[in-house]
């Protein structure tokens, strides 16, 4: 199963980095170039293990995912429940660790597999290249969010 990962150091503590990564709605749109819309489902008001999330990509593709882990301030993981036809499996996760010199190392990881099975070897190579570009853009947006006064004010509210 292909894995795509990107990491960087942000100038905030792990708790703040974690909180920025878990923003939703309008606050998420301030930093995440991937999404057009995102909302928690089933009446949930906060992310937590077992909470489902509806996400619409900027291209219009949709995915419903579920939190499979939620451990502030160190890690969070999600898996796709429903989504585009070409993903057989898709999951994503964040890890956060304090850096010795200050700040937080943030690591964002995708794992996925494609269908149909006969096309998967080619589709997964292409998918890895596209998702690499995507995850690098998203983590760069995340870093901007960690420095955006509007995002920081929202997570502290």
Protein backbone atom coordinates (compact mmCIF):
# COMPACT_ATOMS: atom_id res chain seq x y z
CA UNK A 1 0.00 0.00 0.00
CA UNK A 2 1.54 3.35 -1.02
CA UNK A 3 2.33 5.88 1.70
CA UNK A 4 2.94 9.59 1.06
CA UNK A 5 4.31 11.76 3.85
CA UNK A 6 5.31 15.37 4.37
CA UNK A 7 6.70 17.09 7.44
CA UNK A 8 7.94 20.44 8.65
CA UNK A 9 8.58 22.40 11.83
CA UNK A 10 6.08 25.08 12.86
CA UNK A 11 6.84 27.79 15.45
CA UNK A 12 4.08 26.80 17.90
CA UNK A 13 3.75 24.22 20.67
CA UNK A 14 2.32 20.74 19.90
CA UNK A 15 -1.08 21.57 21.43
CA UNK A 16 -1.50 24.61 19.21
CA UNK A 17 -0.30 22.72 16.12
CA UNK A 18 -2.74 19.91 16.90
CA UNK A 19 -5.61 22.36 17.36
CA UNK A 20 -4.86 24.10 14.04
CA UNK A 21 -4.81 20.73 12.26
CA UNK A 22 -8.27 19.92 13.58
CA UNK A 23 -10.06 23.14 12.68
CA UNK A 24 -13.22 22.83 10.62
CA UNK A 25 -15.56 25.12 8.72
CA UNK A 26 -14.51 28.65 7.87
CA UNK A 27 -11.37 28.46 10.00
CA UNK A 28 -10.15 25.41 8.07
CA UNK A 29 -10.69 27.26 4.79
CA UNK A 30 -8.24 29.95 5.95
CA UNK A 31 -5.32 27.54 5.65
CA UNK A 32 -6.25 24.30 3.85
CA UNK A 33 -6.03 24.62 0.03
CA UNK A 34 -7.46 21.10 -0.42
CA UNK A 35 -11.02 21.62 0.66
CA UNK A 36 -13.99 23.60 -0.51
CA UNK A 37 -16.21 22.48 2.38
CA UNK A 38 -15.87 20.32 5.47
CA UNK A 39 -18.33 19.56 8.25
CA UNK A 40 -18.76 17.17 11.13
CA UNK A 41 -21.69 14.76 10.80
CA UNK A 42 -24.28 13.20 13.09
CA UNK A 43 -24.64 16.32 15.23
CA UNK A 44 -21.01 16.27 16.37
CA UNK A 45 -19.67 19.65 17.44
CA UNK A 46 -16.04 18.62 18.00
CA UNK A 47 -13.69 16.11 16.41
CA UNK A 48 -13.27 12.87 18.39
CA UNK A 49 -12.69 9.18 17.79
CA UNK A 50 -15.69 7.77 15.91
CA UNK A 51 -16.87 11.15 14.56
CA UNK A 52 -17.65 11.20 10.86
CA UNK A 53 -16.68 14.10 8.59
CA UNK A 54 -17.95 15.13 5.14
CA UNK A 55 -15.29 16.79 3.00
CA UNK A 56 -15.64 18.30 -0.46
CA UNK A 57 -12.38 18.75 -2.39
CA UNK A 58 -11.84 21.98 -4.33
CA UNK A 59 -12.53 19.98 -7.53
CA UNK A 60 -15.93 18.85 -6.21
CA UNK A 61 -14.94 15.28 -5.27
CA UNK A 62 -16.50 14.19 -1.98
CA UNK A 63 -15.41 11.89 0.82
CA UNK A 64 -16.90 10.79 4.11
CA UNK A 65 -14.28 9.81 6.66
CA UNK A 66 -14.17 8.77 10.29
CA UNK A 67 -11.73 9.57 13.07
CA UNK A 68 -10.07 6.29 14.08
CA UNK A 69 -7.78 7.95 16.62
CA UNK A 70 -7.86 11.29 18.37
CA UNK A 71 -5.05 11.82 20.88
CA UNK A 72 -4.30 15.50 21.55
CA UNK A 73 -1.63 16.80 21.28
CA UNK A 74 0.33 13.95 19.65
CA UNK A 75 -1.63 12.23 16.86
CA UNK A 76 -4.86 11.88 14.96
CA UNK A 77 -5.96 9.43 12.27
CA UNK A 78 -8.86 9.15 9.85
CA UNK A 79 -10.06 6.59 7.34
CA UNK A 80 -12.28 6.97 4.32
CA UNK A 81 -15.74 5.43 4.62
CA UNK A 82 -17.07 6.52 1.22
CA UNK A 83 -15.39 8.48 -1.51
CA UNK A 84 -14.27 8.46 -5.08
CA UNK A 85 -14.49 5.21 -7.02
CA UNK A 86 -10.75 4.92 -7.66
CA UNK A 87 -9.74 4.66 -3.98
CA UNK A 88 -10.18 1.20 -2.53
CA UNK A 89 -8.67 2.45 0.73
CA UNK A 90 -7.62 5.91 1.88
CA UNK A 91 -6.41 7.00 5.32
CA UNK A 92 -4.62 10.02 6.69
CA UNK A 93 -2.90 10.88 9.92
CA UNK A 94 -1.02 13.61 11.73
CA UNK A 95 1.77 13.29 14.29
CA UNK A 96 3.13 16.14 16.40
CA UNK A 97 6.30 16.24 18.49
CA UNK A 98 8.10 19.07 20.24
CA UNK A 99 11.40 19.95 18.61
CA UNK A 100 14.47 20.26 20.89
CA UNK A 101 15.16 23.81 19.65
CA UNK A 102 11.54 24.93 19.94
CA UNK A 103 8.48 24.57 17.79
CA UNK A 104 6.75 21.40 16.69
CA UNK A 105 7.54 18.81 14.05
CA UNK A 106 4.27 18.12 12.19
CA UNK A 107 4.08 14.99 10.02
CA UNK A 108 1.11 14.39 7.72
CA UNK A 109 0.75 10.96 6.12
CA UNK A 110 -1.61 9.44 3.55
CA UNK A 111 -1.91 5.74 2.83
CA UNK A 112 -4.07 4.47 0.00
CA UNK A 113 -4.79 1.78 -2.51
CA UNK A 114 -6.55 2.09 -5.85
CA UNK A 115 -9.04 0.09 -7.84
CA UNK A 116 -9.66 -1.71 -10.05
CA UNK A 117 -6.97 -4.13 -8.91
CA UNK A 118 -5.64 -4.75 -12.43
CA UNK A 119 -4.98 -1.00 -12.84
CA UNK A 120 -3.69 -0.43 -9.30
CA UNK A 121 0.07 -0.66 -10.05
CA UNK A 122 -0.13 2.22 -12.53
CA UNK A 123 -2.87 4.14 -10.72
CA UNK A 124 -0.97 4.00 -7.43
CA UNK A 125 2.23 5.38 -9.01
CA UNK A 126 0.25 8.26 -10.51
CA UNK A 127 -1.72 8.68 -7.28
CA UNK A 128 1.45 8.84 -5.20
CA UNK A 129 2.82 11.65 -7.40
CA UNK A 130 -0.44 13.62 -7.26
CA UNK A 131 -0.91 13.07 -3.54
CA UNK A 132 2.73 14.08 -2.88
CA UNK A 133 2.05 17.45 -4.52
CA UNK A 134 -1.23 17.75 -2.63
CA UNK A 135 0.15 16.88 0.81
CA UNK A 136 3.12 19.24 0.36
CA UNK A 137 0.71 22.09 -0.49
CA UNK A 138 -1.55 21.23 2.42
CA UNK A 139 1.23 21.09 5.01
CA UNK A 140 2.59 24.42 3.71
CA UNK A 141 -0.93 25.83 4.18
CA UNK A 142 -0.99 24.33 7.66
CA UNK A 143 2.28 26.14 8.47
CA UNK A 144 0.71 29.41 7.29
CA UNK A 145 -2.31 28.63 9.49
CA UNK A 146 -0.03 28.19 12.50
CA UNK A 147 1.11 31.79 11.96
CA UNK A 148 -2.28 33.29 10.97
CA UNK A 149 -3.69 35.47 13.78
CA UNK A 150 -7.27 34.64 12.70
CA UNK A 151 -6.67 30.89 12.95
CA UNK A 152 -4.83 31.20 16.26
CA UNK A 153 -7.59 33.41 17.70
CA UNK A 154 -10.24 30.88 16.62
CA UNK A 155 -8.54 27.92 18.31
CA UNK A 156 -8.06 29.90 21.51
CA UNK A 157 -11.71 31.00 21.62
